Amino acid sequence: MQREHCGCLLGRMQHHDHSPETWLDEADRTRLAAALAGAREARVYRRLEALLLVAEGHSVAEAARRCRVNRSSVHRWLVQYRAEHETTALIDRPRSGRPRRQPRLTPQRLAAALARDPRRCGYQATSWTVPLLAHDLAAKGLAVSPQTLRRRLHEAGYRWKRPRYVYVERAAHLPQKKGALPDV
């Protein structure tokens, strides 16, 4: 009778134990518990919790059920963790994602556009709004949607606040309004 291949890196002919007790030891359990206490992201917390359950002697199926994930995910996390025995192996790596469609819309270009006075650009506004700035950039050959512009402004550290109007000089009657006696 021939054994089925288990998919491990040890090969077909070598015998090894697949029980959860052999996957993680006491040092791993301590390391996982400490990382779980400091986990801030829900995805990482779920991964650490599943591995900690396995390290405490629960089956992979039970850990997957308790954490509401697939068994294959728990197995994948075990492989990732056991490769380095570091909890950082469970953190999501940066992904490339879709490339930006407006690479010319840099923080420097945004700063230069915001430094200009909208009135000098021919607009009847005292401060920039996102739609107005998007229109101005489109007129200069850099078409960008207001949503993208808001996102890029936020990434560059800009926050929108209502304009605060300030009088050039104090009103002469202001002390009298505040209860002071007029000068006689």
N, C-alpha and C. Protein backbone atom coordinates (compact mmCIF):
# COMPACT_ATOMS: atom_id res chain seq x y z
N MET A 1 0.84 -1.19 0.00
CA MET A 1 0.00 0.00 0.00
C MET A 1 0.88 1.24 0.00
N GLN A 2 0.58 2.16 -0.87
CA GLN A 2 1.40 3.35 -1.02
C GLN A 2 0.73 4.54 -0.35
N ARG A 3 1.53 5.33 0.39
CA ARG A 3 0.99 6.53 1.03
C ARG A 3 0.80 7.64 0.02
N GLU A 4 -0.19 8.45 0.27
CA GLU A 4 -0.40 9.60 -0.61
C GLU A 4 0.61 10.68 -0.27
N HIS A 5 0.93 11.47 -1.28
CA HIS A 5 1.85 12.59 -1.09
C HIS A 5 1.13 13.69 -0.30
N CYS A 6 1.78 14.19 0.73
CA CYS A 6 1.13 15.16 1.61
C CYS A 6 1.31 16.60 1.14
N GLY A 7 2.21 16.85 0.21
CA GLY A 7 2.42 18.22 -0.26
C GLY A 7 3.51 18.94 0.49
N CYS A 8 4.16 18.29 1.45
CA CYS A 8 5.23 18.93 2.21
C CYS A 8 6.52 18.91 1.41
N LEU A 9 7.48 19.66 1.88
CA LEU A 9 8.75 19.77 1.19
C LEU A 9 9.67 18.60 1.47
N LEU A 10 9.30 17.70 2.37
CA LEU A 10 10.18 16.58 2.74
C LEU A 10 10.16 15.46 1.71
N GLY A 11 9.18 15.39 0.87
CA GLY A 11 9.14 14.37 -0.17
C GLY A 11 8.24 13.21 0.20
N ARG A 12 8.11 12.23 -0.71
CA ARG A 12 7.17 11.14 -0.55
C ARG A 12 7.65 10.08 0.44
N MET A 13 8.89 9.77 0.45
CA MET A 13 9.35 8.62 1.20
C MET A 13 9.67 8.90 2.66
N GLN A 14 9.84 10.16 3.02
CA GLN A 14 10.17 10.47 4.40
C GLN A 14 8.90 10.58 5.23
N HIS A 15 8.96 10.00 6.45
CA HIS A 15 7.80 10.06 7.33
C HIS A 15 7.96 11.23 8.29
N HIS A 16 6.91 11.99 8.47
CA HIS A 16 6.92 13.08 9.42
C HIS A 16 5.53 13.23 9.99
N ASP A 17 5.47 13.89 11.11
CA ASP A 17 4.22 14.01 11.85
C ASP A 17 3.47 15.26 11.42
N HIS A 18 2.16 15.12 11.19
CA HIS A 18 1.34 16.26 10.80
C HIS A 18 0.43 16.72 11.92
N SER A 19 0.62 16.29 13.12
CA SER A 19 -0.26 16.71 14.21
C SER A 19 0.06 18.14 14.60
N PRO A 20 -0.94 18.90 15.04
CA PRO A 20 -0.73 20.31 15.38
C PRO A 20 0.31 20.52 16.47
N GLU A 21 0.49 19.55 17.36
CA GLU A 21 1.45 19.73 18.45
C GLU A 21 2.87 19.89 17.93
N THR A 22 3.16 19.31 16.77
CA THR A 22 4.53 19.39 16.25
C THR A 22 4.76 20.65 15.43
N TRP A 23 3.69 21.39 15.11
CA TRP A 23 3.86 22.57 14.28
C TRP A 23 4.47 23.74 15.04
N LEU A 24 4.03 23.96 16.25
CA LEU A 24 4.46 25.12 17.02
C LEU A 24 4.83 24.69 18.44
N ASP A 25 5.90 25.26 18.98
CA ASP A 25 6.33 24.91 20.33
C ASP A 25 5.95 26.01 21.31
N GLU A 26 6.42 25.87 22.54
CA GLU A 26 6.06 26.82 23.60
C GLU A 26 6.61 28.23 23.32
N ALA A 27 7.80 28.30 22.74
CA ALA A 27 8.37 29.62 22.40
C ALA A 27 7.51 30.31 21.35
N ASP A 28 7.03 29.54 20.38
CA ASP A 28 6.14 30.11 19.36
C ASP A 28 4.84 30.60 20.01
N ARG A 29 4.32 29.81 20.94
CA ARG A 29 3.08 30.18 21.62
C ARG A 29 3.24 31.50 22.37
N THR A 30 4.36 31.64 23.06
CA THR A 30 4.64 32.88 23.80
C THR A 30 4.77 34.06 22.84
N ARG A 31 5.50 33.85 21.75
CA ARG A 31 5.71 34.89 20.76
C ARG A 31 4.38 35.32 20.13
N LEU A 32 3.54 34.35 19.80
CA LEU A 32 2.24 34.65 19.19
C LEU A 32 1.32 35.38 20.17
N ALA A 33 1.33 34.98 21.43
CA ALA A 33 0.49 35.63 22.43
C ALA A 33 0.90 37.08 22.63
N ALA A 34 2.21 37.34 22.65
CA ALA A 34 2.69 38.71 22.82
C ALA A 34 2.32 39.56 21.60
N ALA A 35 2.45 39.00 20.42
CA ALA A 35 2.11 39.75 19.21
C ALA A 35 0.61 40.00 19.13
N LEU A 36 -0.19 39.03 19.59
CA LEU A 36 -1.64 39.18 19.58
C LEU A 36 -2.08 40.34 20.47
N ALA A 37 -1.41 40.49 21.60
CA ALA A 37 -1.76 41.57 22.53
C ALA A 37 -1.49 42.94 21.92
N GLY A 38 -0.51 43.04 21.02
CA GLY A 38 -0.16 44.33 20.43
C GLY A 38 -0.65 44.52 19.01
N ALA A 39 -1.42 43.57 18.49
CA ALA A 39 -1.89 43.67 17.10
C ALA A 39 -2.91 44.79 16.96
N ARG A 40 -2.75 45.61 15.92
CA ARG A 40 -3.65 46.73 15.69
C ARG A 40 -4.55 46.51 14.48
N GLU A 41 -4.12 45.72 13.53
CA GLU A 41 -4.92 45.48 12.34
C GLU A 41 -5.74 44.21 12.51
N ALA A 42 -6.98 44.25 12.08
CA ALA A 42 -7.90 43.12 12.27
C ALA A 42 -7.42 41.88 11.52
N ARG A 43 -6.86 42.06 10.33
CA ARG A 43 -6.41 40.91 9.55
C ARG A 43 -5.25 40.20 10.24
N VAL A 44 -4.31 40.97 10.75
CA VAL A 44 -3.16 40.38 11.44
C VAL A 44 -3.63 39.74 12.74
N TYR A 45 -4.56 40.40 13.44
CA TYR A 45 -5.09 39.85 14.68
C TYR A 45 -5.73 38.49 14.44
N ARG A 46 -6.51 38.37 13.37
CA ARG A 46 -7.17 37.10 13.05
C ARG A 46 -6.14 36.01 12.76
N ARG A 47 -5.09 36.34 12.04
CA ARG A 47 -4.05 35.36 11.72
C ARG A 47 -3.33 34.90 12.98
N LEU A 48 -2.98 35.86 13.83
CA LEU A 48 -2.29 35.51 15.07
C LEU A 48 -3.19 34.67 15.98
N GLU A 49 -4.46 35.03 16.04
CA GLU A 49 -5.39 34.28 16.87
C GLU A 49 -5.53 32.84 16.39
N ALA A 50 -5.60 32.64 15.09
CA ALA A 50 -5.72 31.29 14.54
C ALA A 50 -4.47 30.47 14.86
N LEU A 51 -3.31 31.06 14.69
CA LEU A 51 -2.07 30.32 14.97
C LEU A 51 -1.91 30.05 16.46
N LEU A 52 -2.35 30.96 17.29
CA LEU A 52 -2.28 30.75 18.72
C LEU A 52 -3.20 29.60 19.14
N LEU A 53 -4.36 29.51 18.54
CA LEU A 53 -5.25 28.39 18.83
C LEU A 53 -4.61 27.06 18.44
N VAL A 54 -3.95 27.03 17.30
CA VAL A 54 -3.25 25.82 16.87
C VAL A 54 -2.11 25.50 17.83
N ALA A 55 -1.39 26.54 18.26
CA ALA A 55 -0.28 26.33 19.19
C ALA A 55 -0.77 25.83 20.54
N GLU A 56 -2.00 26.17 20.90
CA GLU A 56 -2.56 25.71 22.18
C GLU A 56 -3.13 24.30 22.08
N GLY A 57 -3.05 23.69 20.88
CA GLY A 57 -3.48 22.30 20.74
C GLY A 57 -4.77 22.09 19.99
N HIS A 58 -5.41 23.14 19.56
CA HIS A 58 -6.64 22.99 18.78
C HIS A 58 -6.29 22.54 17.37
N SER A 59 -7.21 21.90 16.72
CA SER A 59 -6.98 21.47 15.35
C SER A 59 -7.05 22.68 14.42
N VAL A 60 -6.50 22.52 13.24
CA VAL A 60 -6.56 23.59 12.24
C VAL A 60 -8.01 23.88 11.88
N ALA A 61 -8.81 22.83 11.76
CA ALA A 61 -10.23 23.02 11.43
C ALA A 61 -10.95 23.81 12.52
N GLU A 62 -10.65 23.50 13.78
CA GLU A 62 -11.28 24.23 14.90
C GLU A 62 -10.82 25.69 14.93
N ALA A 63 -9.53 25.92 14.71
CA ALA A 63 -9.01 27.29 14.68
C ALA A 63 -9.65 28.08 13.54
N ALA A 64 -9.79 27.43 12.39
CA ALA A 64 -10.40 28.10 11.24
C ALA A 64 -11.87 28.42 11.53
N ARG A 65 -12.57 27.50 12.16
CA ARG A 65 -13.97 27.73 12.48
C ARG A 65 -14.13 28.88 13.46
N ARG A 66 -13.30 28.90 14.50
CA ARG A 66 -13.40 29.96 15.51
C ARG A 66 -13.06 31.34 14.95
N CYS A 67 -12.11 31.38 14.02
CA CYS A 67 -11.70 32.67 13.44
C CYS A 67 -12.47 33.01 12.17
N ARG A 68 -13.38 32.13 11.79
CA ARG A 68 -14.23 32.33 10.62
C ARG A 68 -13.42 32.53 9.35
N VAL A 69 -12.45 31.64 9.14
CA VAL A 69 -11.65 31.64 7.93
C VAL A 69 -11.61 30.21 7.38
N ASN A 70 -11.06 30.06 6.21
CA ASN A 70 -10.93 28.75 5.59
C ASN A 70 -9.73 28.00 6.17
N ARG A 71 -9.82 26.68 6.21
CA ARG A 71 -8.71 25.88 6.72
C ARG A 71 -7.44 26.12 5.90
N SER A 72 -7.59 26.29 4.61
CA SER A 72 -6.41 26.51 3.77
C SER A 72 -5.69 27.80 4.15
N SER A 73 -6.44 28.79 4.61
CA SER A 73 -5.81 30.04 5.06
C SER A 73 -4.96 29.80 6.29
N VAL A 74 -5.48 29.03 7.23
CA VAL A 74 -4.72 28.73 8.46
C VAL A 74 -3.46 27.94 8.09
N HIS A 75 -3.58 26.98 7.19
CA HIS A 75 -2.40 26.23 6.75
C HIS A 75 -1.38 27.16 6.10
N ARG A 76 -1.84 28.08 5.27
CA ARG A 76 -0.92 29.02 4.61
C ARG A 76 -0.22 29.90 5.64
N TRP A 77 -0.97 30.38 6.65
CA TRP A 77 -0.36 31.20 7.69
C TRP A 77 0.65 30.41 8.50
N LEU A 78 0.37 29.13 8.74
CA LEU A 78 1.32 28.28 9.45
C LEU A 78 2.63 28.14 8.67
N VAL A 79 2.52 27.95 7.38
CA VAL A 79 3.72 27.83 6.54
C VAL A 79 4.50 29.13 6.56
N GLN A 80 3.79 30.26 6.45
CA GLN A 80 4.47 31.56 6.47
C GLN A 80 5.17 31.78 7.81
N TYR A 81 4.50 31.46 8.90
CA TYR A 81 5.08 31.69 10.22
C TYR A 81 6.25 30.75 10.47
N ARG A 82 6.09 29.47 10.13
CA ARG A 82 7.14 28.49 10.42
C ARG A 82 8.39 28.71 9.58
N ALA A 83 8.27 29.40 8.45
CA ALA A 83 9.44 29.67 7.61
C ALA A 83 10.44 30.58 8.34
N GLU A 84 9.94 31.51 9.14
CA GLU A 84 10.81 32.47 9.82
C GLU A 84 10.69 32.43 11.34
N HIS A 85 9.61 31.85 11.85
CA HIS A 85 9.29 31.89 13.28
C HIS A 85 9.25 33.32 13.80
N GLU A 86 8.74 34.21 12.96
CA GLU A 86 8.55 35.61 13.32
C GLU A 86 7.12 36.00 12.99
N THR A 87 6.51 36.76 13.88
CA THR A 87 5.12 37.17 13.65
C THR A 87 5.02 38.19 12.51
N THR A 88 6.14 38.83 12.17
CA THR A 88 6.11 39.79 11.06
C THR A 88 5.84 39.10 9.73
N ALA A 89 6.00 37.80 9.67
CA ALA A 89 5.71 37.07 8.44
C ALA A 89 4.22 37.07 8.12
N LEU A 90 3.38 37.38 9.11
CA LEU A 90 1.93 37.37 8.92
C LEU A 90 1.37 38.72 8.49
N ILE A 91 2.21 39.75 8.48
CA ILE A 91 1.77 41.09 8.10
C ILE A 91 1.67 41.17 6.59
N ASP A 92 0.65 41.86 6.10
CA ASP A 92 0.48 42.02 4.66
C ASP A 92 1.66 42.79 4.08
N ARG A 93 2.16 42.31 2.98
CA ARG A 93 3.24 43.00 2.27
C ARG A 93 2.62 44.07 1.37
N PRO A 94 3.36 45.13 1.08
CA PRO A 94 2.81 46.14 0.16
C PRO A 94 2.58 45.51 -1.22
N ARG A 95 1.49 45.89 -1.81
CA ARG A 95 1.15 45.39 -3.15
C ARG A 95 1.32 46.53 -4.14
N SER A 96 1.63 46.17 -5.35
CA SER A 96 1.86 47.20 -6.35
C SER A 96 0.56 47.90 -6.73
N GLY A 97 -0.49 47.13 -6.91
CA GLY A 97 -1.78 47.72 -7.26
C GLY A 97 -1.76 48.34 -8.65
N ARG A 98 -2.79 49.04 -8.94
CA ARG A 98 -2.90 49.69 -10.24
C ARG A 98 -2.01 50.92 -10.25
N PRO A 99 -1.26 51.13 -11.33
CA PRO A 99 -0.42 52.34 -11.38
C PRO A 99 -1.27 53.60 -11.47
N ARG A 100 -0.74 54.68 -10.98
CA ARG A 100 -1.46 55.94 -11.00
C ARG A 100 -1.61 56.43 -12.42
N ARG A 101 -2.76 57.02 -12.68
CA ARG A 101 -3.03 57.51 -14.03
C ARG A 101 -2.52 58.94 -14.21
N GLN A 102 -2.24 59.65 -13.14
CA GLN A 102 -1.74 61.01 -13.22
C GLN A 102 -0.40 61.12 -12.48
N PRO A 103 0.67 60.55 -13.04
CA PRO A 103 1.96 60.65 -12.35
C PRO A 103 2.50 62.08 -12.32
N ARG A 104 1.98 62.95 -13.20
CA ARG A 104 2.46 64.34 -13.22
C ARG A 104 1.86 65.18 -12.10
N LEU A 105 0.83 64.67 -11.43
CA LEU A 105 0.19 65.41 -10.34
C LEU A 105 0.97 65.14 -9.05
N THR A 106 2.07 65.84 -8.89
CA THR A 106 2.97 65.63 -7.76
C THR A 106 2.62 66.60 -6.63
N PRO A 107 3.08 66.32 -5.41
CA PRO A 107 2.86 67.27 -4.31
C PRO A 107 3.47 68.65 -4.58
N GLN A 108 4.58 68.69 -5.31
CA GLN A 108 5.20 69.98 -5.65
C GLN A 108 4.31 70.77 -6.59
N ARG A 109 3.72 70.10 -7.57
CA ARG A 109 2.83 70.78 -8.51
C ARG A 109 1.57 71.28 -7.79
N LEU A 110 1.06 70.47 -6.86
CA LEU A 110 -0.10 70.90 -6.08
C LEU A 110 0.23 72.13 -5.23
N ALA A 111 1.41 72.11 -4.60
CA ALA A 111 1.81 73.24 -3.77
C ALA A 111 1.94 74.51 -4.60
N ALA A 112 2.49 74.37 -5.81
CA ALA A 112 2.64 75.54 -6.69
C ALA A 112 1.27 76.06 -7.12
N ALA A 113 0.35 75.17 -7.42
CA ALA A 113 -1.00 75.60 -7.84
C ALA A 113 -1.73 76.27 -6.69
N LEU A 114 -1.59 75.73 -5.48
CA LEU A 114 -2.29 76.31 -4.33
C LEU A 114 -1.67 77.63 -3.88
N ALA A 115 -0.40 77.86 -4.22
CA ALA A 115 0.27 79.10 -3.83
C ALA A 115 -0.23 80.29 -4.65
N ARG A 116 -0.75 80.00 -5.84
CA ARG A 116 -1.28 81.09 -6.68
C ARG A 116 -2.62 81.57 -6.14
N ASP A 117 -2.88 82.84 -6.32
CA ASP A 117 -4.16 83.42 -5.92
C ASP A 117 -5.19 83.15 -7.02
N PRO A 118 -6.34 82.57 -6.69
CA PRO A 118 -7.33 82.28 -7.73
C PRO A 118 -7.79 83.54 -8.49
N ARG A 119 -7.78 84.69 -7.81
CA ARG A 119 -8.20 85.93 -8.47
C ARG A 119 -7.23 86.32 -9.58
N ARG A 120 -5.94 86.04 -9.36
CA ARG A 120 -4.94 86.36 -10.40
C ARG A 120 -5.01 85.41 -11.58
N CYS A 121 -5.65 84.27 -11.37
CA CYS A 121 -5.84 83.31 -12.46
C CYS A 121 -7.14 83.56 -13.21
N GLY A 122 -7.87 84.60 -12.82
CA GLY A 122 -9.09 84.98 -13.53
C GLY A 122 -10.37 84.45 -12.90
N TYR A 123 -10.29 83.90 -11.72
CA TYR A 123 -11.49 83.37 -11.06
C TYR A 123 -12.01 84.39 -10.04
N GLN A 124 -13.32 84.35 -9.79
CA GLN A 124 -13.92 85.25 -8.82
C GLN A 124 -14.05 84.53 -7.48
N ALA A 125 -12.96 84.05 -6.96
CA ALA A 125 -12.94 83.35 -5.68
C ALA A 125 -11.71 83.79 -4.91
N THR A 126 -11.83 83.86 -3.61
CA THR A 126 -10.69 84.27 -2.78
C THR A 126 -9.84 83.10 -2.34
N SER A 127 -10.38 81.87 -2.43
CA SER A 127 -9.59 80.70 -2.06
C SER A 127 -9.95 79.55 -3.01
N TRP A 128 -9.07 78.58 -3.06
CA TRP A 128 -9.27 77.45 -3.96
C TRP A 128 -10.27 76.46 -3.37
N THR A 129 -11.12 75.95 -4.24
CA THR A 129 -11.95 74.80 -3.91
C THR A 129 -11.47 73.65 -4.80
N VAL A 130 -11.83 72.43 -4.46
CA VAL A 130 -11.37 71.30 -5.26
C VAL A 130 -11.90 71.38 -6.69
N PRO A 131 -13.21 71.64 -6.90
CA PRO A 131 -13.66 71.74 -8.30
C PRO A 131 -12.98 72.88 -9.07
N LEU A 132 -12.75 74.01 -8.40
CA LEU A 132 -12.09 75.13 -9.06
C LEU A 132 -10.65 74.79 -9.41
N LEU A 133 -9.95 74.15 -8.50
CA LEU A 133 -8.56 73.76 -8.75
C LEU A 133 -8.50 72.69 -9.84
N ALA A 134 -9.45 71.77 -9.86
CA ALA A 134 -9.49 70.75 -10.92
C ALA A 134 -9.71 71.42 -12.28
N HIS A 135 -10.60 72.42 -12.32
CA HIS A 135 -10.84 73.16 -13.57
C HIS A 135 -9.58 73.89 -14.01
N ASP A 136 -8.89 74.52 -13.08
CA ASP A 136 -7.67 75.26 -13.40
C ASP A 136 -6.58 74.32 -13.91
N LEU A 137 -6.42 73.18 -13.27
CA LEU A 137 -5.40 72.22 -13.72
C LEU A 137 -5.75 71.66 -15.10
N ALA A 138 -7.04 71.43 -15.35
CA ALA A 138 -7.46 70.94 -16.66
C ALA A 138 -7.18 71.97 -17.75
N ALA A 139 -7.36 73.25 -17.42
CA ALA A 139 -7.08 74.31 -18.38
C ALA A 139 -5.59 74.38 -18.70
N LYS A 140 -4.77 73.91 -17.78
CA LYS A 140 -3.32 73.92 -17.98
C LYS A 140 -2.82 72.58 -18.53
N GLY A 141 -3.75 71.70 -18.95
CA GLY A 141 -3.36 70.45 -19.59
C GLY A 141 -3.20 69.27 -18.65
N LEU A 142 -3.70 69.38 -17.43
CA LEU A 142 -3.59 68.29 -16.47
C LEU A 142 -4.99 67.94 -15.97
N ALA A 143 -5.73 67.20 -16.77
CA ALA A 143 -7.11 66.85 -16.42
C ALA A 143 -7.11 65.81 -15.30
N VAL A 144 -7.82 66.12 -14.24
CA VAL A 144 -7.91 65.23 -13.09
C VAL A 144 -9.29 65.38 -12.47
N SER A 145 -9.84 64.28 -12.01
CA SER A 145 -11.17 64.34 -11.41
C SER A 145 -11.09 64.97 -10.03
N PRO A 146 -12.18 65.58 -9.56
CA PRO A 146 -12.18 66.15 -8.21
C PRO A 146 -11.90 65.10 -7.13
N GLN A 147 -12.37 63.87 -7.34
CA GLN A 147 -12.12 62.81 -6.35
C GLN A 147 -10.63 62.49 -6.24
N THR A 148 -9.97 62.38 -7.39
CA THR A 148 -8.53 62.12 -7.39
C THR A 148 -7.78 63.30 -6.78
N LEU A 149 -8.21 64.50 -7.11
CA LEU A 149 -7.56 65.70 -6.57
C LEU A 149 -7.71 65.75 -5.05
N ARG A 150 -8.89 65.42 -4.53
CA ARG A 150 -9.09 65.39 -3.07
C ARG A 150 -8.14 64.37 -2.43
N ARG A 151 -8.05 63.19 -3.05
CA ARG A 151 -7.18 62.14 -2.50
C ARG A 151 -5.72 62.58 -2.51
N ARG A 152 -5.29 63.18 -3.59
CA ARG A 152 -3.89 63.63 -3.68
C ARG A 152 -3.61 64.77 -2.71
N LEU A 153 -4.56 65.68 -2.53
CA LEU A 153 -4.38 66.76 -1.56
C LEU A 153 -4.26 66.18 -0.15
N HIS A 154 -5.09 65.20 0.14
CA HIS A 154 -5.03 64.56 1.46
C HIS A 154 -3.70 63.85 1.66
N GLU A 155 -3.21 63.16 0.63
CA GLU A 155 -1.92 62.48 0.72
C GLU A 155 -0.78 63.47 0.93
N ALA A 156 -0.92 64.66 0.35
CA ALA A 156 0.12 65.68 0.49
C ALA A 156 0.03 66.43 1.81
N GLY A 157 -1.00 66.13 2.62
CA GLY A 157 -1.10 66.73 3.94
C GLY A 157 -1.97 67.98 4.00
N TYR A 158 -2.70 68.29 2.93
CA TYR A 158 -3.58 69.46 2.94
C TYR A 158 -4.93 69.08 3.53
N ARG A 159 -5.50 70.00 4.30
CA ARG A 159 -6.83 69.82 4.87
C ARG A 159 -7.65 71.05 4.53
N TRP A 160 -8.92 70.84 4.20
CA TRP A 160 -9.78 71.94 3.83
C TRP A 160 -10.44 72.49 5.08
N LYS A 161 -10.40 73.79 5.21
CA LYS A 161 -11.11 74.47 6.30
C LYS A 161 -11.86 75.65 5.69
N ARG A 162 -12.91 76.02 6.35
CA ARG A 162 -13.66 77.18 5.88
C ARG A 162 -12.79 78.42 5.99
N PRO A 163 -12.90 79.32 5.03
CA PRO A 163 -12.10 80.54 5.13
C PRO A 163 -12.55 81.39 6.31
N ARG A 164 -11.62 81.98 6.96
CA ARG A 164 -11.91 82.85 8.11
C ARG A 164 -11.70 84.29 7.67
N TYR A 165 -12.73 85.04 7.75
CA TYR A 165 -12.65 86.43 7.33
C TYR A 165 -12.17 87.28 8.50
N VAL A 166 -11.21 88.14 8.23
CA VAL A 166 -10.61 88.98 9.26
C VAL A 166 -10.72 90.43 8.79
N TYR A 167 -11.19 91.31 9.68
CA TYR A 167 -11.28 92.72 9.36
C TYR A 167 -9.88 93.31 9.29
N VAL A 168 -9.72 94.25 8.39
CA VAL A 168 -8.41 94.89 8.23
C VAL A 168 -8.07 95.71 9.46
N GLU A 169 -9.03 96.47 9.98
CA GLU A 169 -8.78 97.24 11.20
C GLU A 169 -9.99 97.10 12.11
N ARG A 170 -9.76 97.29 13.37
CA ARG A 170 -10.85 97.16 14.35
C ARG A 170 -11.84 98.30 14.21
N ALA A 171 -13.08 98.00 14.42
CA ALA A 171 -14.13 99.02 14.34
C ALA A 171 -13.97 99.98 15.51
N ALA A 172 -14.21 101.27 15.24
CA ALA A 172 -14.03 102.30 16.26
C ALA A 172 -15.05 102.15 17.39
N HIS A 173 -16.21 101.64 17.11
CA HIS A 173 -17.25 101.53 18.12
C HIS A 173 -17.19 100.20 18.88
N LEU A 174 -16.20 99.34 18.60
CA LEU A 174 -16.13 98.03 19.24
C LEU A 174 -15.98 98.11 20.76
N PRO A 175 -15.13 98.98 21.34
CA PRO A 175 -15.05 99.05 22.81
C PRO A 175 -16.39 99.42 23.45
N GLN A 176 -17.14 100.30 22.78
CA GLN A 176 -18.42 100.70 23.31
C GLN A 176 -19.40 99.50 23.30
N LYS A 177 -19.33 98.67 22.26
CA LYS A 177 -20.18 97.48 22.18
C LYS A 177 -19.84 96.50 23.28
N LYS A 178 -18.59 96.49 23.73
CA LYS A 178 -18.16 95.58 24.76
C LYS A 178 -18.39 96.11 26.17
N GLY A 179 -19.00 97.30 26.29
CA GLY A 179 -19.36 97.82 27.60
C GLY A 179 -18.45 98.93 28.12
N ALA A 180 -17.47 99.35 27.35
CA ALA A 180 -16.59 100.42 27.81
C ALA A 180 -17.26 101.78 27.56
N LEU A 181 -16.91 102.73 28.37
CA LEU A 181 -17.47 104.07 28.21
C LEU A 181 -16.74 104.79 27.08
N PRO A 182 -17.47 105.57 26.29
CA PRO A 182 -16.80 106.30 25.20
C PRO A 182 -15.90 107.41 25.76
N ASP A 183 -14.84 107.69 25.02
CA ASP A 183 -13.94 108.77 25.42
C ASP A 183 -14.63 110.11 25.19
N VAL A 184 -14.63 110.95 26.23
CA VAL A 184 -15.32 112.25 26.14
C VAL A 184 -14.31 113.34 26.11
